[in-house]
Structures are given as structure tokens and as C-alpha cells.
Amino acid sequence: MKAALVKVWEIFDYACGQRLKPLLETEVERLRDLGEIEIPDEVASRLTMMSSATVDRKLKHEREFLHLSRAKGVPKPGSVLKQKIPIRLTEWDTSRVGYIEADIVVHCGSSPLGEYVNTLSTTEISSGWWEGEAIMGKSQEHSFGALKEIRKRTPFEWKGVDTDNYSGFTNQILYKYCQREGLGFTRSRPNRKNDNA
């Protein structure tokens, strides 16, 4: 049970109990369907009914360990995965259509506090074709869902996806999807916004 909770917590970018509780209620079954977590029905049911206080209590040790690890310079969660995703600079083969650059545009005004709408923005490198999809928050699941919706609408086949280093993109969900679909998956250099299209 706790291992499953920790896995979901990692997938949703280490959210606090108040933010994780509604995700547990709505996303556990979807994560099971995607093969991201393999848990029996009883554990899935218990996860969906867990209170935010119980979530925080059960994750207290993991939260402390995560904070201590970062303070000691232990690699951040996801850094091993980032090593598997190659960095692409701006050299693109523009003779072939189908290479997508993806980014998140935040619409929070002057304060990033609270919830607000973001736009998942995609640009096809060769043609300049742009598509966007509004999402609430920046979770991995919402980013992934928006990317799939955009892919359904585009009038060409996708060959590859290039993203920034934001955890909504550089995660197991998108990594495994690109492998399954035969899409190239690359990322820009950390802290280099001008690498993006």
C-alpha cells in the first residue's frame, strides 16, 4: 500500500496531501490502465479513499528523506531518467515534417501561487505548425493528456518530440509512450530557454 502511494506521489511530482488526494480519487485507475502502477483492486480502492492527512502522514518519512538527499547532493528524482533522454541543440533536419517542440506557457500573472491555466504549446519545426492545449496546473498526467490531444489534431505523422527539462515532460509516462509509439524523444539543455523553438 505505502509503496503504491509513494509511486503515485513520485508520478505527480511530490505533491502535498491536499493536492494528491483529488488525484488519487481520479487518476489511480488511469495509472493502472497505463501500466504505470500494478496494484490489486483492494489497494487501489484504499488509495482512492485516503484522506489528505493520512497521505501526508504516510509520506512524512519519504518527504524528509527527499529533503535530506537534495541537501546532501544526492541526485534528484528523475535525474537518472534525464540521462536517458538525449539533449538536442538547434540542429534540425527541416526537410522532414513531424518533429515537435513542446513547452508549457504559464498564465499566472505576477504570482505563481494558487491554481491557474497553462498552455501546452507545440511547434512543428519544419513547417512552423503550432497547436496549443489549455491545462489546469502542470501535472505530468495533464501535460501528457494534452500532448496526446494535440497529436490527434495535427495533419501529419509525428516522428519525434523535443521538450524542455520540466518534470511534466521528462517523466516515465512520456518516456514510455515515445518508446511504444516509435517517437524520438529529446530535451533541451537545462536553464537554456532559447533552445526551445
N, C-alpha and C. Protein backbone atom coordinates (compact mmCIF):
# COMPACT_ATOMS: atom_id res chain seq x y z
N MET A 1 0.82 -1.20 0.00
CA MET A 1 0.00 0.00 0.00
C MET A 1 0.86 1.26 0.00
N LYS A 2 1.83 1.32 0.93
CA LYS A 2 2.66 2.52 1.01
C LYS A 2 3.52 2.66 -0.23
N ALA A 3 4.03 1.53 -0.74
CA ALA A 3 4.86 1.59 -1.96
C ALA A 3 4.06 2.15 -3.13
N ALA A 4 2.79 1.76 -3.23
CA ALA A 4 1.94 2.27 -4.31
C ALA A 4 1.70 3.77 -4.13
N LEU A 5 1.48 4.20 -2.90
CA LEU A 5 1.27 5.63 -2.63
C LEU A 5 2.52 6.43 -3.00
N VAL A 6 3.69 5.91 -2.63
CA VAL A 6 4.94 6.60 -2.95
C VAL A 6 5.12 6.71 -4.46
N LYS A 7 4.79 5.64 -5.19
CA LYS A 7 4.92 5.65 -6.65
C LYS A 7 4.02 6.73 -7.27
N VAL A 8 2.77 6.79 -6.81
CA VAL A 8 1.84 7.80 -7.34
C VAL A 8 2.34 9.20 -6.97
N TRP A 9 2.84 9.36 -5.75
CA TRP A 9 3.40 10.64 -5.29
C TRP A 9 4.54 11.09 -6.20
N GLU A 10 5.41 10.16 -6.57
CA GLU A 10 6.52 10.49 -7.49
C GLU A 10 5.99 10.88 -8.86
N ILE A 11 5.01 10.14 -9.38
CA ILE A 11 4.45 10.42 -10.70
C ILE A 11 3.87 11.83 -10.75
N PHE A 12 3.21 12.24 -9.65
CA PHE A 12 2.58 13.56 -9.62
C PHE A 12 3.48 14.61 -8.96
N ASP A 13 4.77 14.42 -9.12
CA ASP A 13 5.76 15.45 -8.80
C ASP A 13 5.75 15.86 -7.32
N TYR A 14 5.60 14.87 -6.42
CA TYR A 14 5.79 15.07 -4.98
C TYR A 14 4.81 16.09 -4.40
N ALA A 15 3.56 15.98 -4.81
CA ALA A 15 2.52 16.91 -4.34
C ALA A 15 2.22 16.68 -2.86
N CYS A 16 1.76 17.74 -2.19
CA CYS A 16 1.34 17.61 -0.79
C CYS A 16 0.03 16.82 -0.74
N GLY A 17 -0.37 16.41 0.47
CA GLY A 17 -1.57 15.60 0.63
C GLY A 17 -2.82 16.25 0.08
N GLN A 18 -2.97 17.57 0.28
CA GLN A 18 -4.17 18.25 -0.22
C GLN A 18 -4.26 18.21 -1.73
N ARG A 19 -3.13 18.29 -2.40
CA ARG A 19 -3.15 18.25 -3.86
C ARG A 19 -3.19 16.81 -4.39
N LEU A 20 -2.58 15.88 -3.62
CA LEU A 20 -2.53 14.50 -4.09
C LEU A 20 -3.87 13.78 -3.91
N LYS A 21 -4.62 14.11 -2.87
CA LYS A 21 -5.88 13.41 -2.60
C LYS A 21 -6.83 13.41 -3.80
N PRO A 22 -7.14 14.57 -4.43
CA PRO A 22 -8.05 14.51 -5.58
C PRO A 22 -7.46 13.74 -6.76
N LEU A 23 -6.14 13.75 -6.88
CA LEU A 23 -5.51 12.97 -7.95
C LEU A 23 -5.64 11.47 -7.68
N LEU A 24 -5.52 11.08 -6.42
CA LEU A 24 -5.72 9.67 -6.08
C LEU A 24 -7.14 9.24 -6.43
N GLU A 25 -8.10 10.12 -6.16
CA GLU A 25 -9.50 9.77 -6.43
C GLU A 25 -9.78 9.58 -7.91
N THR A 26 -9.11 10.38 -8.76
CA THR A 26 -9.45 10.35 -10.19
C THR A 26 -8.45 9.63 -11.08
N GLU A 27 -7.20 9.50 -10.64
CA GLU A 27 -6.16 9.03 -11.56
C GLU A 27 -5.61 7.64 -11.30
N VAL A 28 -5.92 7.03 -10.15
CA VAL A 28 -5.35 5.71 -9.83
C VAL A 28 -5.73 4.69 -10.90
N GLU A 29 -7.00 4.65 -11.28
CA GLU A 29 -7.42 3.68 -12.30
C GLU A 29 -6.74 3.93 -13.64
N ARG A 30 -6.58 5.20 -14.00
CA ARG A 30 -5.92 5.52 -15.27
C ARG A 30 -4.46 5.08 -15.25
N LEU A 31 -3.80 5.29 -14.11
CA LEU A 31 -2.40 4.85 -13.99
C LEU A 31 -2.30 3.33 -14.08
N ARG A 32 -3.28 2.65 -13.54
CA ARG A 32 -3.30 1.18 -13.66
C ARG A 32 -3.48 0.78 -15.12
N ASP A 33 -4.40 1.45 -15.81
CA ASP A 33 -4.64 1.14 -17.22
C ASP A 33 -3.40 1.39 -18.08
N LEU A 34 -2.64 2.44 -17.73
CA LEU A 34 -1.43 2.76 -18.49
C LEU A 34 -0.25 1.86 -18.12
N GLY A 35 -0.41 1.05 -17.07
CA GLY A 35 0.67 0.18 -16.64
C GLY A 35 1.73 0.88 -15.80
N GLU A 36 1.40 2.09 -15.32
CA GLU A 36 2.37 2.83 -14.50
C GLU A 36 2.44 2.28 -13.09
N ILE A 37 1.33 1.76 -12.59
CA ILE A 37 1.32 1.10 -11.28
C ILE A 37 0.57 -0.22 -11.43
N GLU A 38 1.07 -1.24 -10.76
CA GLU A 38 0.42 -2.55 -10.77
C GLU A 38 0.05 -2.87 -9.34
N ILE A 39 -1.23 -2.72 -9.03
CA ILE A 39 -1.71 -2.93 -7.66
C ILE A 39 -3.04 -3.66 -7.71
N PRO A 40 -3.33 -4.45 -6.66
CA PRO A 40 -4.63 -5.13 -6.63
C PRO A 40 -5.78 -4.15 -6.41
N ASP A 41 -7.00 -4.60 -6.69
CA ASP A 41 -8.19 -3.76 -6.56
C ASP A 41 -8.34 -3.19 -5.15
N GLU A 42 -8.04 -4.02 -4.14
CA GLU A 42 -8.20 -3.57 -2.75
C GLU A 42 -7.29 -2.39 -2.44
N VAL A 43 -6.04 -2.45 -2.89
CA VAL A 43 -5.09 -1.34 -2.65
C VAL A 43 -5.54 -0.10 -3.42
N ALA A 44 -5.99 -0.28 -4.65
CA ALA A 44 -6.48 0.86 -5.44
C ALA A 44 -7.65 1.53 -4.74
N SER A 45 -8.56 0.73 -4.21
CA SER A 45 -9.71 1.27 -3.50
C SER A 45 -9.28 2.05 -2.26
N ARG A 46 -8.33 1.50 -1.51
CA ARG A 46 -7.85 2.18 -0.29
C ARG A 46 -7.14 3.49 -0.65
N LEU A 47 -6.41 3.51 -1.76
CA LEU A 47 -5.74 4.75 -2.17
C LEU A 47 -6.75 5.84 -2.50
N THR A 48 -7.80 5.47 -3.21
CA THR A 48 -8.79 6.48 -3.64
C THR A 48 -9.58 7.03 -2.47
N MET A 49 -9.64 6.31 -1.36
CA MET A 49 -10.43 6.78 -0.20
C MET A 49 -9.56 7.41 0.88
N MET A 50 -8.27 7.49 0.68
CA MET A 50 -7.36 8.01 1.69
C MET A 50 -7.53 9.52 1.87
N SER A 51 -7.52 9.99 3.11
CA SER A 51 -7.65 11.43 3.38
C SER A 51 -6.31 12.12 3.14
N SER A 52 -6.35 13.43 2.95
CA SER A 52 -5.11 14.18 2.72
C SER A 52 -4.19 14.11 3.94
N ALA A 53 -4.75 14.10 5.15
CA ALA A 53 -3.93 13.99 6.37
C ALA A 53 -3.22 12.64 6.41
N THR A 54 -3.91 11.57 6.03
CA THR A 54 -3.29 10.25 6.00
C THR A 54 -2.19 10.20 4.95
N VAL A 55 -2.44 10.81 3.80
CA VAL A 55 -1.41 10.87 2.75
C VAL A 55 -0.15 11.53 3.30
N ASP A 56 -0.31 12.69 3.91
CA ASP A 56 0.86 13.40 4.46
C ASP A 56 1.56 12.59 5.54
N ARG A 57 0.78 11.92 6.39
CA ARG A 57 1.38 11.11 7.45
C ARG A 57 2.18 9.95 6.87
N LYS A 58 1.62 9.27 5.89
CA LYS A 58 2.30 8.11 5.30
C LYS A 58 3.54 8.50 4.49
N LEU A 59 3.54 9.73 3.97
CA LEU A 59 4.68 10.18 3.15
C LEU A 59 5.71 10.99 3.94
N LYS A 60 5.49 11.17 5.23
CA LYS A 60 6.37 12.01 6.04
C LYS A 60 7.84 11.58 5.93
N HIS A 61 8.10 10.28 6.09
CA HIS A 61 9.48 9.79 6.03
C HIS A 61 10.09 10.02 4.64
N GLU A 62 9.32 9.74 3.59
CA GLU A 62 9.83 9.92 2.23
C GLU A 62 10.12 11.39 1.95
N ARG A 63 9.26 12.28 2.45
CA ARG A 63 9.46 13.72 2.26
C ARG A 63 10.75 14.18 2.95
N GLU A 64 10.95 13.69 4.19
CA GLU A 64 12.18 14.04 4.93
C GLU A 64 13.41 13.51 4.22
N PHE A 65 13.32 12.26 3.73
CA PHE A 65 14.46 11.67 3.02
C PHE A 65 14.77 12.44 1.74
N LEU A 66 13.72 12.84 1.01
CA LEU A 66 13.90 13.60 -0.22
C LEU A 66 14.60 14.92 0.07
N HIS A 67 14.15 15.62 1.12
CA HIS A 67 14.76 16.89 1.50
C HIS A 67 16.23 16.69 1.91
N LEU A 68 16.50 15.65 2.70
CA LEU A 68 17.87 15.37 3.15
C LEU A 68 18.76 14.99 1.97
N SER A 69 18.22 14.18 1.05
CA SER A 69 19.01 13.76 -0.12
C SER A 69 19.41 14.95 -0.97
N ARG A 70 18.47 15.86 -1.18
CA ARG A 70 18.78 17.03 -2.00
C ARG A 70 19.81 17.91 -1.31
N ALA A 71 19.69 18.01 0.03
CA ALA A 71 20.64 18.83 0.77
C ALA A 71 22.05 18.24 0.69
N LYS A 72 22.16 16.91 0.61
CA LYS A 72 23.47 16.26 0.57
C LYS A 72 23.99 16.09 -0.85
N GLY A 73 23.25 16.54 -1.83
CA GLY A 73 23.72 16.45 -3.21
C GLY A 73 23.44 15.12 -3.88
N VAL A 74 22.57 14.30 -3.31
CA VAL A 74 22.16 13.06 -3.95
C VAL A 74 21.34 13.43 -5.19
N PRO A 75 21.47 12.70 -6.28
CA PRO A 75 20.71 13.06 -7.48
C PRO A 75 19.22 13.19 -7.20
N LYS A 76 18.60 14.19 -7.81
CA LYS A 76 17.17 14.42 -7.67
C LYS A 76 16.41 13.29 -8.34
N PRO A 77 15.20 12.98 -7.83
CA PRO A 77 14.38 12.00 -8.54
C PRO A 77 14.18 12.46 -9.98
N GLY A 78 14.27 11.54 -10.92
CA GLY A 78 14.10 11.90 -12.32
C GLY A 78 15.42 12.18 -13.02
N SER A 79 16.51 12.41 -12.25
CA SER A 79 17.77 12.75 -12.92
C SER A 79 18.34 11.54 -13.66
N VAL A 80 18.06 10.33 -13.18
CA VAL A 80 18.51 9.12 -13.89
C VAL A 80 17.78 9.02 -15.22
N LEU A 81 16.47 9.30 -15.21
CA LEU A 81 15.71 9.28 -16.45
C LEU A 81 16.21 10.34 -17.41
N LYS A 82 16.52 11.53 -16.90
CA LYS A 82 17.01 12.60 -17.78
C LYS A 82 18.29 12.18 -18.49
N GLN A 83 19.11 11.34 -17.85
CA GLN A 83 20.32 10.88 -18.51
C GLN A 83 20.01 9.98 -19.71
N LYS A 84 18.82 9.35 -19.70
CA LYS A 84 18.42 8.50 -20.83
C LYS A 84 17.86 9.31 -22.00
N ILE A 85 17.43 10.56 -21.73
CA ILE A 85 16.82 11.39 -22.77
C ILE A 85 17.89 12.30 -23.35
N PRO A 86 18.29 12.11 -24.59
CA PRO A 86 19.39 12.91 -25.16
C PRO A 86 19.05 14.39 -25.28
N ILE A 87 20.07 15.20 -25.15
CA ILE A 87 19.91 16.65 -25.34
C ILE A 87 20.04 16.96 -26.82
N ARG A 88 19.12 17.77 -27.33
CA ARG A 88 19.18 18.21 -28.72
C ARG A 88 19.37 19.71 -28.73
N LEU A 89 20.35 20.14 -29.48
CA LEU A 89 20.54 21.58 -29.66
C LEU A 89 19.66 22.02 -30.82
N THR A 90 19.98 23.07 -31.49
CA THR A 90 19.07 23.60 -32.50
C THR A 90 19.28 23.04 -33.90
N GLU A 91 20.14 22.03 -34.06
CA GLU A 91 20.33 21.50 -35.41
C GLU A 91 19.20 20.52 -35.76
N TRP A 92 18.31 20.96 -36.61
CA TRP A 92 17.15 20.18 -37.01
C TRP A 92 17.20 19.90 -38.50
N ASP A 93 16.71 18.72 -38.88
CA ASP A 93 16.55 18.40 -40.30
C ASP A 93 15.19 18.93 -40.72
N THR A 94 15.17 20.12 -41.29
CA THR A 94 13.90 20.76 -41.65
C THR A 94 13.34 20.25 -42.98
N SER A 95 14.01 19.29 -43.60
CA SER A 95 13.47 18.72 -44.84
C SER A 95 12.39 17.67 -44.54
N ARG A 96 12.25 17.28 -43.28
CA ARG A 96 11.27 16.27 -42.89
C ARG A 96 10.27 16.85 -41.90
N VAL A 97 9.00 16.69 -42.19
CA VAL A 97 7.94 17.18 -41.31
C VAL A 97 7.65 16.12 -40.24
N GLY A 98 7.42 16.58 -39.01
CA GLY A 98 6.99 15.65 -37.97
C GLY A 98 7.74 15.75 -36.66
N TYR A 99 8.69 16.69 -36.57
CA TYR A 99 9.44 16.85 -35.33
C TYR A 99 8.84 18.00 -34.52
N ILE A 100 8.39 17.68 -33.32
CA ILE A 100 7.61 18.60 -32.49
C ILE A 100 8.46 19.13 -31.33
N GLU A 101 8.38 20.42 -31.13
CA GLU A 101 8.97 21.07 -29.95
C GLU A 101 7.81 21.40 -29.02
N ALA A 102 7.89 20.97 -27.74
CA ALA A 102 6.80 21.20 -26.79
C ALA A 102 7.29 22.01 -25.60
N ASP A 103 6.41 22.87 -25.10
CA ASP A 103 6.74 23.72 -23.96
C ASP A 103 5.45 24.07 -23.22
N ILE A 104 5.59 24.47 -21.97
CA ILE A 104 4.45 24.93 -21.17
C ILE A 104 4.53 26.44 -21.02
N VAL A 105 3.43 27.12 -21.32
CA VAL A 105 3.33 28.56 -21.13
C VAL A 105 2.41 28.79 -19.94
N VAL A 106 2.92 29.45 -18.90
CA VAL A 106 2.11 29.68 -17.70
C VAL A 106 1.34 30.99 -17.82
N HIS A 107 0.13 30.99 -17.30
CA HIS A 107 -0.72 32.17 -17.33
C HIS A 107 -1.10 32.55 -15.90
N CYS A 108 -0.07 32.86 -15.10
CA CYS A 108 -0.29 33.12 -13.68
C CYS A 108 -0.20 34.59 -13.32
N GLY A 109 0.03 35.44 -14.28
CA GLY A 109 0.19 36.85 -13.96
C GLY A 109 1.49 37.07 -13.20
N SER A 110 1.44 37.92 -12.19
CA SER A 110 2.66 38.25 -11.46
C SER A 110 2.95 37.30 -10.31
N SER A 111 2.03 36.36 -10.00
CA SER A 111 2.23 35.46 -8.88
C SER A 111 1.99 34.01 -9.29
N PRO A 112 2.94 33.11 -9.01
CA PRO A 112 2.76 31.70 -9.34
C PRO A 112 1.97 30.93 -8.28
N LEU A 113 1.42 31.62 -7.28
CA LEU A 113 0.69 30.94 -6.21
C LEU A 113 -0.71 30.56 -6.67
N GLY A 114 -1.22 29.48 -6.12
CA GLY A 114 -2.58 29.03 -6.45
C GLY A 114 -2.64 28.25 -7.74
N GLU A 115 -3.85 27.99 -8.18
CA GLU A 115 -4.05 27.26 -9.43
C GLU A 115 -4.37 28.22 -10.55
N TYR A 116 -3.89 27.90 -11.73
CA TYR A 116 -4.14 28.73 -12.90
C TYR A 116 -3.98 27.87 -14.14
N VAL A 117 -4.48 28.39 -15.24
CA VAL A 117 -4.42 27.66 -16.50
C VAL A 117 -3.05 27.85 -17.13
N ASN A 118 -2.57 26.80 -17.77
CA ASN A 118 -1.34 26.85 -18.56
C ASN A 118 -1.68 26.39 -19.97
N THR A 119 -0.81 26.70 -20.90
CA THR A 119 -0.97 26.20 -22.26
C THR A 119 0.18 25.29 -22.60
N LEU A 120 -0.14 24.06 -23.02
CA LEU A 120 0.89 23.20 -23.58
C LEU A 120 1.00 23.62 -25.05
N SER A 121 2.15 24.14 -25.41
CA SER A 121 2.37 24.71 -26.74
C SER A 121 3.29 23.79 -27.53
N THR A 122 2.89 23.45 -28.76
CA THR A 122 3.74 22.63 -29.62
C THR A 122 3.97 23.34 -30.95
N THR A 123 5.18 23.22 -31.46
CA THR A 123 5.54 23.79 -32.76
C THR A 123 6.22 22.70 -33.58
N GLU A 124 5.74 22.48 -34.80
CA GLU A 124 6.42 21.55 -35.71
C GLU A 124 7.56 22.32 -36.36
N ILE A 125 8.76 21.80 -36.27
CA ILE A 125 9.97 22.54 -36.63
C ILE A 125 10.04 22.92 -38.10
N SER A 126 9.71 22.00 -39.00
CA SER A 126 9.86 22.26 -40.42
C SER A 126 8.84 23.25 -40.96
N SER A 127 7.57 23.06 -40.61
CA SER A 127 6.50 23.88 -41.17
C SER A 127 6.13 25.08 -40.30
N GLY A 128 6.48 25.02 -39.01
CA GLY A 128 6.05 26.06 -38.09
C GLY A 128 4.63 25.86 -37.59
N TRP A 129 4.02 24.71 -37.90
CA TRP A 129 2.64 24.44 -37.48
C TRP A 129 2.58 24.48 -35.96
N TRP A 130 1.64 25.27 -35.44
CA TRP A 130 1.50 25.42 -33.98
C TRP A 130 0.17 24.88 -33.51
N GLU A 131 0.19 24.19 -32.39
CA GLU A 131 -1.04 23.75 -31.71
C GLU A 131 -0.85 24.00 -30.22
N GLY A 132 -1.93 24.33 -29.54
CA GLY A 132 -1.89 24.52 -28.09
C GLY A 132 -3.08 23.85 -27.43
N GLU A 133 -2.93 23.52 -26.16
CA GLU A 133 -3.99 22.89 -25.39
C GLU A 133 -3.93 23.45 -23.98
N ALA A 134 -5.06 23.96 -23.50
CA ALA A 134 -5.12 24.52 -22.14
C ALA A 134 -5.20 23.38 -21.12
N ILE A 135 -4.43 23.53 -20.03
CA ILE A 135 -4.49 22.56 -18.94
C ILE A 135 -4.51 23.31 -17.61
N MET A 136 -5.15 22.74 -16.62
CA MET A 136 -5.14 23.32 -15.28
C MET A 136 -3.96 22.72 -14.53
N GLY A 137 -3.08 23.56 -14.06
CA GLY A 137 -1.88 23.07 -13.38
C GLY A 137 -0.84 22.59 -14.37
N LYS A 138 0.18 21.90 -13.84
CA LYS A 138 1.26 21.43 -14.72
C LYS A 138 1.63 19.98 -14.42
N SER A 139 0.65 19.18 -14.00
CA SER A 139 0.98 17.80 -13.64
C SER A 139 1.42 17.01 -14.87
N GLN A 140 2.13 15.93 -14.61
CA GLN A 140 2.58 15.05 -15.69
C GLN A 140 1.39 14.49 -16.45
N GLU A 141 0.36 14.09 -15.71
CA GLU A 141 -0.81 13.48 -16.35
C GLU A 141 -1.52 14.48 -17.26
N HIS A 142 -1.72 15.72 -16.79
CA HIS A 142 -2.40 16.72 -17.61
C HIS A 142 -1.55 17.08 -18.84
N SER A 143 -0.24 17.22 -18.65
CA SER A 143 0.64 17.53 -19.78
C SER A 143 0.60 16.42 -20.82
N PHE A 144 0.65 15.17 -20.35
CA PHE A 144 0.64 14.02 -21.25
C PHE A 144 -0.69 13.94 -22.00
N GLY A 145 -1.80 14.13 -21.28
CA GLY A 145 -3.11 14.10 -21.93
C GLY A 145 -3.24 15.17 -23.00
N ALA A 146 -2.74 16.37 -22.69
CA ALA A 146 -2.80 17.47 -23.66
C ALA A 146 -1.96 17.17 -24.89
N LEU A 147 -0.79 16.59 -24.69
CA LEU A 147 0.09 16.26 -25.81
C LEU A 147 -0.59 15.24 -26.73
N LYS A 148 -1.27 14.25 -26.15
CA LYS A 148 -1.96 13.26 -26.97
C LYS A 148 -3.13 13.89 -27.73
N GLU A 149 -3.84 14.82 -27.10
CA GLU A 149 -4.94 15.51 -27.79
C GLU A 149 -4.41 16.31 -28.98
N ILE A 150 -3.30 17.00 -28.78
CA ILE A 150 -2.70 17.77 -29.86
C ILE A 150 -2.26 16.84 -30.99
N ARG A 151 -1.69 15.71 -30.64
CA ARG A 151 -1.23 14.77 -31.67
C ARG A 151 -2.41 14.29 -32.54
N LYS A 152 -3.57 14.07 -31.92
CA LYS A 152 -4.75 13.64 -32.69
C LYS A 152 -5.16 14.68 -33.74
N ARG A 153 -4.94 15.95 -33.43
CA ARG A 153 -5.40 17.04 -34.30
C ARG A 153 -4.44 17.38 -35.44
N THR A 154 -3.17 17.06 -35.28
CA THR A 154 -2.20 17.52 -36.27
C THR A 154 -2.34 16.75 -37.59
N PRO A 155 -2.18 17.44 -38.72
CA PRO A 155 -2.41 16.81 -40.02
C PRO A 155 -1.18 16.10 -40.59
N PHE A 156 -0.28 15.66 -39.73
CA PHE A 156 0.92 14.95 -40.17
C PHE A 156 1.32 13.95 -39.10
N GLU A 157 2.12 12.99 -39.48
CA GLU A 157 2.62 11.98 -38.54
C GLU A 157 3.75 12.56 -37.71
N TRP A 158 3.76 12.27 -36.44
CA TRP A 158 4.85 12.71 -35.57
C TRP A 158 6.03 11.74 -35.68
N LYS A 159 7.22 12.31 -35.75
CA LYS A 159 8.45 11.50 -35.78
C LYS A 159 9.25 11.63 -34.49
N GLY A 160 9.12 12.78 -33.82
CA GLY A 160 9.87 12.98 -32.59
C GLY A 160 9.34 14.14 -31.79
N VAL A 161 9.65 14.13 -30.49
CA VAL A 161 9.23 15.17 -29.56
C VAL A 161 10.46 15.69 -28.83
N ASP A 162 10.59 17.01 -28.79
CA ASP A 162 11.68 17.65 -28.06
C ASP A 162 11.04 18.59 -27.03
N THR A 163 11.47 18.48 -25.77
CA THR A 163 10.86 19.27 -24.71
C THR A 163 11.93 20.00 -23.91
N ASP A 164 11.47 20.85 -22.98
CA ASP A 164 12.41 21.40 -22.02
C ASP A 164 12.57 20.38 -20.88
N ASN A 165 13.20 20.77 -19.79
CA ASN A 165 13.50 19.84 -18.70
C ASN A 165 12.45 19.81 -17.61
N TYR A 166 11.32 20.44 -17.85
CA TYR A 166 10.23 20.47 -16.88
C TYR A 166 9.72 19.05 -16.61
N SER A 167 9.46 18.74 -15.33
CA SER A 167 9.11 17.37 -14.94
C SER A 167 7.79 16.89 -15.55
N GLY A 168 6.95 17.80 -16.02
CA GLY A 168 5.73 17.39 -16.71
C GLY A 168 6.02 16.68 -18.02
N PHE A 169 7.23 16.87 -18.54
CA PHE A 169 7.66 16.20 -19.78
C PHE A 169 8.68 15.10 -19.51
N THR A 170 9.72 15.40 -18.75
CA THR A 170 10.79 14.42 -18.54
C THR A 170 10.38 13.47 -17.43
N ASN A 171 9.49 12.54 -17.78
CA ASN A 171 8.97 11.58 -16.81
C ASN A 171 8.73 10.24 -17.50
N GLN A 172 8.47 9.23 -16.69
CA GLN A 172 8.30 7.88 -17.22
C GLN A 172 7.09 7.76 -18.14
N ILE A 173 6.04 8.52 -17.86
CA ILE A 173 4.82 8.42 -18.68
C ILE A 173 5.13 8.77 -20.13
N LEU A 174 5.75 9.94 -20.36
CA LEU A 174 6.04 10.36 -21.73
C LEU A 174 7.18 9.54 -22.32
N TYR A 175 8.17 9.18 -21.51
CA TYR A 175 9.30 8.39 -21.99
C TYR A 175 8.81 7.04 -22.55
N LYS A 176 7.96 6.35 -21.78
CA LYS A 176 7.46 5.04 -22.23
C LYS A 176 6.53 5.19 -23.43
N TYR A 177 5.73 6.25 -23.45
CA TYR A 177 4.84 6.49 -24.58
C TYR A 177 5.64 6.66 -25.87
N CYS A 178 6.69 7.47 -25.83
CA CYS A 178 7.52 7.68 -27.02
C CYS A 178 8.17 6.38 -27.47
N GLN A 179 8.61 5.56 -26.52
CA GLN A 179 9.18 4.26 -26.88
C GLN A 179 8.14 3.38 -27.57
N ARG A 180 6.93 3.32 -26.98
CA ARG A 180 5.86 2.49 -27.56
C ARG A 180 5.47 2.95 -28.95
N GLU A 181 5.42 4.27 -29.15
CA GLU A 181 4.94 4.84 -30.41
C GLU A 181 6.05 5.01 -31.45
N GLY A 182 7.29 4.68 -31.09
CA GLY A 182 8.41 4.83 -32.03
C GLY A 182 8.77 6.27 -32.31
N LEU A 183 8.56 7.15 -31.32
CA LEU A 183 8.89 8.57 -31.47
C LEU A 183 10.25 8.86 -30.85
N GLY A 184 11.04 9.67 -31.53
CA GLY A 184 12.26 10.15 -30.89
C GLY A 184 11.89 11.06 -29.74
N PHE A 185 12.66 11.03 -28.66
CA PHE A 185 12.37 11.88 -27.50
C PHE A 185 13.68 12.52 -27.07
N THR A 186 13.74 13.84 -27.20
CA THR A 186 14.94 14.59 -26.81
C THR A 186 14.52 15.76 -25.93
N ARG A 187 15.51 16.42 -25.35
CA ARG A 187 15.23 17.55 -24.47
C ARG A 187 16.26 18.64 -24.71
N SER A 188 15.92 19.85 -24.27
CA SER A 188 16.86 20.97 -24.39
C SER A 188 17.83 20.97 -23.21
N ARG A 189 18.82 21.82 -23.27
CA ARG A 189 19.77 21.94 -22.17
C ARG A 189 19.09 22.59 -20.97
N PRO A 190 19.44 22.17 -19.75
CA PRO A 190 18.83 22.80 -18.58
C PRO A 190 19.12 24.30 -18.55
N ASN A 191 18.14 25.08 -18.13
CA ASN A 191 18.28 26.54 -17.95
C ASN A 191 18.67 27.28 -19.22
N ARG A 192 18.32 26.75 -20.39
CA ARG A 192 18.60 27.41 -21.67
C ARG A 192 17.29 27.56 -22.43
N LYS A 193 16.50 28.56 -22.07
CA LYS A 193 15.18 28.72 -22.69
C LYS A 193 15.27 28.96 -24.17
N ASN A 194 16.36 29.54 -24.66
CA ASN A 194 16.48 29.84 -26.09
C ASN A 194 16.70 28.58 -26.94
N ASP A 195 16.90 27.43 -26.28
CA ASP A 195 17.00 26.18 -27.05
C ASP A 195 15.65 25.80 -27.65
N ASN A 196 14.55 26.27 -27.04
CA ASN A 196 13.21 25.89 -27.50
C ASN A 196 12.83 26.67 -28.75
N ALA A 197 11.95 26.04 -29.54
CA ALA A 197 11.52 26.70 -30.78
C ALA A 197 10.71 27.95 -30.48
